[in-house]
Amino acid sequence: MSIVSYMTIVEQLFTELDVLLNNYVFHAYNALAGYLRAPLGLAIVLYIVLMGLSITQGWVKLSMGKGYIRFACAAPAGASRAP
């Protein structure tokens, strides 16, 4: 009969605990993501629609910094600018 050391017992315990926790966390996260997929998607679509309506009606004013406008209007590298 071999002598089992405390280190072996602790190592086996933590290995088993690691497997169980990894499995639990994976399945719990997948379940939560599955349940929240539709409500969060609907909230994002509703936000985009309401923000677009607010901007077109003039209820909300958004401004972009000059740096963004300068960046967006700049010609791509290597493109020639026609006069």
N, C-alpha and C. Protein backbone atom coordinates (compact mmCIF):
# COMPACT_ATOMS: atom_id res chain seq x y z
N MET A 1 0.84 -1.17 0.00
CA MET A 1 0.00 0.00 0.00
C MET A 1 0.89 1.24 0.00
N SER A 2 0.60 2.15 -0.88
CA SER A 2 1.44 3.34 -0.97
C SER A 2 0.92 4.43 -0.04
N ILE A 3 1.82 5.28 0.36
CA ILE A 3 1.46 6.38 1.26
C ILE A 3 1.06 7.57 0.39
N VAL A 4 -0.14 8.08 0.63
CA VAL A 4 -0.63 9.23 -0.11
C VAL A 4 -0.24 10.48 0.67
N SER A 5 0.45 11.37 -0.01
CA SER A 5 0.86 12.60 0.68
C SER A 5 -0.25 13.63 0.62
N TYR A 6 -0.17 14.58 1.51
CA TYR A 6 -1.17 15.64 1.53
C TYR A 6 -1.13 16.45 0.24
N MET A 7 0.04 16.59 -0.36
CA MET A 7 0.17 17.36 -1.59
C MET A 7 -0.62 16.72 -2.71
N THR A 8 -0.60 15.41 -2.80
CA THR A 8 -1.34 14.72 -3.84
C THR A 8 -2.84 14.91 -3.66
N ILE A 9 -3.30 14.83 -2.42
CA ILE A 9 -4.73 15.00 -2.15
C ILE A 9 -5.16 16.43 -2.48
N VAL A 10 -4.37 17.39 -2.09
CA VAL A 10 -4.69 18.80 -2.37
C VAL A 10 -4.66 19.06 -3.87
N GLU A 11 -3.69 18.51 -4.56
CA GLU A 11 -3.60 18.70 -6.00
C GLU A 11 -4.80 18.10 -6.72
N GLN A 12 -5.21 16.91 -6.31
CA GLN A 12 -6.38 16.29 -6.92
C GLN A 12 -7.65 17.09 -6.62
N LEU A 13 -7.76 17.58 -5.40
CA LEU A 13 -8.92 18.38 -5.02
C LEU A 13 -9.01 19.65 -5.86
N PHE A 14 -7.91 20.37 -6.00
CA PHE A 14 -7.93 21.61 -6.77
C PHE A 14 -8.12 21.35 -8.27
N THR A 15 -7.62 20.27 -8.77
CA THR A 15 -7.84 19.92 -10.17
C THR A 15 -9.32 19.66 -10.43
N GLU A 16 -9.94 18.90 -9.54
CA GLU A 16 -11.37 18.61 -9.67
C GLU A 16 -12.20 19.88 -9.50
N LEU A 17 -11.82 20.72 -8.58
CA LEU A 17 -12.52 21.98 -8.35
C LEU A 17 -12.40 22.90 -9.57
N ASP A 18 -11.24 22.93 -10.18
CA ASP A 18 -11.01 23.75 -11.37
C ASP A 18 -11.90 23.31 -12.52
N VAL A 19 -12.00 22.01 -12.72
CA VAL A 19 -12.85 21.48 -13.80
C VAL A 19 -14.31 21.84 -13.54
N LEU A 20 -14.77 21.67 -12.31
CA LEU A 20 -16.16 21.97 -11.99
C LEU A 20 -16.47 23.46 -12.15
N LEU A 21 -15.59 24.32 -11.69
CA LEU A 21 -15.84 25.76 -11.78
C LEU A 21 -15.78 26.25 -13.23
N ASN A 22 -14.84 25.73 -14.01
CA ASN A 22 -14.77 26.13 -15.42
C ASN A 22 -16.05 25.75 -16.14
N ASN A 23 -16.57 24.57 -15.87
CA ASN A 23 -17.80 24.12 -16.50
C ASN A 23 -18.97 25.00 -16.07
N TYR A 24 -19.06 25.30 -14.78
CA TYR A 24 -20.16 26.12 -14.27
C TYR A 24 -20.13 27.53 -14.85
N VAL A 25 -18.98 28.15 -14.86
CA VAL A 25 -18.86 29.53 -15.36
C VAL A 25 -19.19 29.57 -16.85
N PHE A 26 -18.72 28.60 -17.60
CA PHE A 26 -18.98 28.57 -19.04
C PHE A 26 -20.48 28.46 -19.32
N HIS A 27 -21.15 27.52 -18.66
CA HIS A 27 -22.58 27.34 -18.91
C HIS A 27 -23.42 28.49 -18.37
N ALA A 28 -23.03 29.05 -17.24
CA ALA A 28 -23.78 30.18 -16.69
C ALA A 28 -23.65 31.41 -17.60
N TYR A 29 -22.46 31.67 -18.12
CA TYR A 29 -22.27 32.81 -19.02
C TYR A 29 -23.04 32.62 -20.31
N ASN A 30 -23.02 31.41 -20.86
CA ASN A 30 -23.77 31.16 -22.09
C ASN A 30 -25.27 31.33 -21.87
N ALA A 31 -25.78 30.88 -20.73
CA ALA A 31 -27.20 31.05 -20.44
C ALA A 31 -27.56 32.53 -20.31
N LEU A 32 -26.74 33.28 -19.59
CA LEU A 32 -26.99 34.70 -19.42
C LEU A 32 -26.94 35.44 -20.75
N ALA A 33 -25.96 35.12 -21.57
CA ALA A 33 -25.85 35.77 -22.89
C ALA A 33 -27.05 35.42 -23.76
N GLY A 34 -27.52 34.19 -23.66
CA GLY A 34 -28.69 33.79 -24.45
C GLY A 34 -29.95 34.52 -24.03
N TYR A 35 -30.13 34.69 -22.70
CA TYR A 35 -31.31 35.39 -22.22
C TYR A 35 -31.29 36.87 -22.53
N LEU A 36 -30.12 37.48 -22.55
CA LEU A 36 -30.02 38.92 -22.75
C LEU A 36 -29.84 39.34 -24.21
N ARG A 37 -29.70 38.39 -25.11
CA ARG A 37 -29.46 38.74 -26.51
C ARG A 37 -30.61 39.56 -27.09
N ALA A 38 -31.84 39.13 -26.92
CA ALA A 38 -32.98 39.84 -27.50
C ALA A 38 -33.23 41.19 -26.82
N PRO A 39 -33.29 41.26 -25.48
CA PRO A 39 -33.55 42.58 -24.87
C PRO A 39 -32.47 43.61 -25.15
N LEU A 40 -31.21 43.22 -25.12
CA LEU A 40 -30.15 44.18 -25.40
C LEU A 40 -30.15 44.60 -26.86
N GLY A 41 -30.41 43.67 -27.75
CA GLY A 41 -30.50 44.02 -29.17
C GLY A 41 -31.64 44.99 -29.42
N LEU A 42 -32.78 44.75 -28.79
CA LEU A 42 -33.92 45.65 -28.93
C LEU A 42 -33.62 47.03 -28.36
N ALA A 43 -32.94 47.06 -27.23
CA ALA A 43 -32.59 48.35 -26.61
C ALA A 43 -31.66 49.16 -27.52
N ILE A 44 -30.70 48.49 -28.15
CA ILE A 44 -29.77 49.19 -29.03
C ILE A 44 -30.49 49.74 -30.26
N VAL A 45 -31.36 48.93 -30.86
CA VAL A 45 -32.12 49.38 -32.03
C VAL A 45 -33.03 50.54 -31.65
N LEU A 46 -33.69 50.45 -30.52
CA LEU A 46 -34.57 51.53 -30.06
C LEU A 46 -33.79 52.81 -29.81
N TYR A 47 -32.60 52.69 -29.22
CA TYR A 47 -31.76 53.87 -28.99
C TYR A 47 -31.38 54.53 -30.31
N ILE A 48 -30.97 53.74 -31.28
CA ILE A 48 -30.56 54.29 -32.58
C ILE A 48 -31.74 54.99 -33.26
N VAL A 49 -32.91 54.36 -33.22
CA VAL A 49 -34.09 54.95 -33.86
C VAL A 49 -34.48 56.25 -33.17
N LEU A 50 -34.53 56.24 -31.84
CA LEU A 50 -34.92 57.46 -31.12
C LEU A 50 -33.90 58.57 -31.26
N MET A 51 -32.62 58.22 -31.26
CA MET A 51 -31.59 59.24 -31.44
C MET A 51 -31.67 59.83 -32.85
N GLY A 52 -31.88 59.00 -33.84
CA GLY A 52 -32.03 59.51 -35.21
C GLY A 52 -33.23 60.42 -35.35
N LEU A 53 -34.34 60.03 -34.75
CA LEU A 53 -35.54 60.87 -34.79
C LEU A 53 -35.30 62.19 -34.07
N SER A 54 -34.62 62.13 -32.93
CA SER A 54 -34.34 63.36 -32.17
C SER A 54 -33.43 64.30 -32.94
N ILE A 55 -32.45 63.76 -33.62
CA ILE A 55 -31.54 64.61 -34.41
C ILE A 55 -32.27 65.22 -35.59
N THR A 56 -33.08 64.43 -36.29
CA THR A 56 -33.77 64.97 -37.47
C THR A 56 -34.83 66.00 -37.09
N GLN A 57 -35.42 65.89 -35.91
CA GLN A 57 -36.42 66.85 -35.47
C GLN A 57 -35.80 68.07 -34.80
N GLY A 58 -34.49 68.02 -34.53
CA GLY A 58 -33.82 69.16 -33.93
C GLY A 58 -33.91 69.20 -32.42
N TRP A 59 -34.37 68.12 -31.80
CA TRP A 59 -34.46 68.07 -30.34
C TRP A 59 -33.10 67.90 -29.70
N VAL A 60 -32.18 67.30 -30.42
CA VAL A 60 -30.84 67.04 -29.90
C VAL A 60 -29.86 67.60 -30.91
N LYS A 61 -28.85 68.30 -30.41
CA LYS A 61 -27.82 68.83 -31.28
C LYS A 61 -26.51 68.12 -30.95
N LEU A 62 -25.93 67.51 -31.94
CA LEU A 62 -24.65 66.84 -31.77
C LEU A 62 -23.62 67.56 -32.61
N SER A 63 -22.46 67.73 -32.07
CA SER A 63 -21.39 68.34 -32.84
C SER A 63 -20.16 67.45 -32.76
N MET A 64 -19.44 67.41 -33.85
CA MET A 64 -18.20 66.67 -33.89
C MET A 64 -17.06 67.67 -33.82
N GLY A 65 -16.02 67.29 -33.15
CA GLY A 65 -14.87 68.19 -33.04
C GLY A 65 -14.25 68.46 -34.39
N LYS A 66 -13.53 69.55 -34.49
CA LYS A 66 -12.88 69.90 -35.75
C LYS A 66 -11.87 68.85 -36.18
N GLY A 67 -11.27 68.19 -35.22
CA GLY A 67 -10.29 67.15 -35.55
C GLY A 67 -10.92 66.00 -36.30
N TYR A 68 -12.12 65.61 -35.90
CA TYR A 68 -12.80 64.51 -36.59
C TYR A 68 -13.20 64.93 -38.00
N ILE A 69 -13.71 66.13 -38.13
CA ILE A 69 -14.14 66.59 -39.46
C ILE A 69 -12.92 66.70 -40.38
N ARG A 70 -11.83 67.21 -39.85
CA ARG A 70 -10.61 67.31 -40.64
C ARG A 70 -10.14 65.91 -41.07
N PHE A 71 -10.22 64.97 -40.13
CA PHE A 71 -9.79 63.61 -40.43
C PHE A 71 -10.71 62.95 -41.46
N ALA A 72 -12.02 63.15 -41.33
CA ALA A 72 -12.98 62.51 -42.22
C ALA A 72 -12.91 63.10 -43.62
N CYS A 73 -12.58 64.38 -43.75
CA CYS A 73 -12.55 65.03 -45.05
C CYS A 73 -11.20 64.93 -45.74
N ALA A 74 -10.20 64.46 -45.06
CA ALA A 74 -8.86 64.35 -45.66
C ALA A 74 -8.87 63.25 -46.71
N ALA A 75 -8.12 63.49 -47.77
CA ALA A 75 -8.01 62.50 -48.84
C ALA A 75 -7.13 61.34 -48.38
N PRO A 76 -7.42 60.13 -48.82
CA PRO A 76 -6.58 59.00 -48.45
C PRO A 76 -5.15 59.19 -48.97
N ALA A 77 -4.22 58.51 -48.34
CA ALA A 77 -2.81 58.63 -48.73
C ALA A 77 -2.63 58.17 -50.17
N GLY A 78 -1.93 58.95 -50.94
CA GLY A 78 -1.64 58.60 -52.32
C GLY A 78 -2.69 59.09 -53.31
N ALA A 79 -3.80 59.65 -52.84
CA ALA A 79 -4.85 60.13 -53.74
C ALA A 79 -4.49 61.54 -54.18
N SER A 80 -4.79 61.83 -55.41
CA SER A 80 -4.51 63.18 -55.91
C SER A 80 -5.76 64.02 -55.77
N ARG A 81 -5.56 65.30 -55.46
CA ARG A 81 -6.69 66.22 -55.31
C ARG A 81 -6.82 67.02 -56.61
N ALA A 82 -7.98 66.94 -57.21
CA ALA A 82 -8.23 67.71 -58.43
C ALA A 82 -8.62 69.13 -58.06
N PRO A 83 -8.11 70.13 -58.79
CA PRO A 83 -8.46 71.53 -58.47
C PRO A 83 -9.87 71.87 -58.84
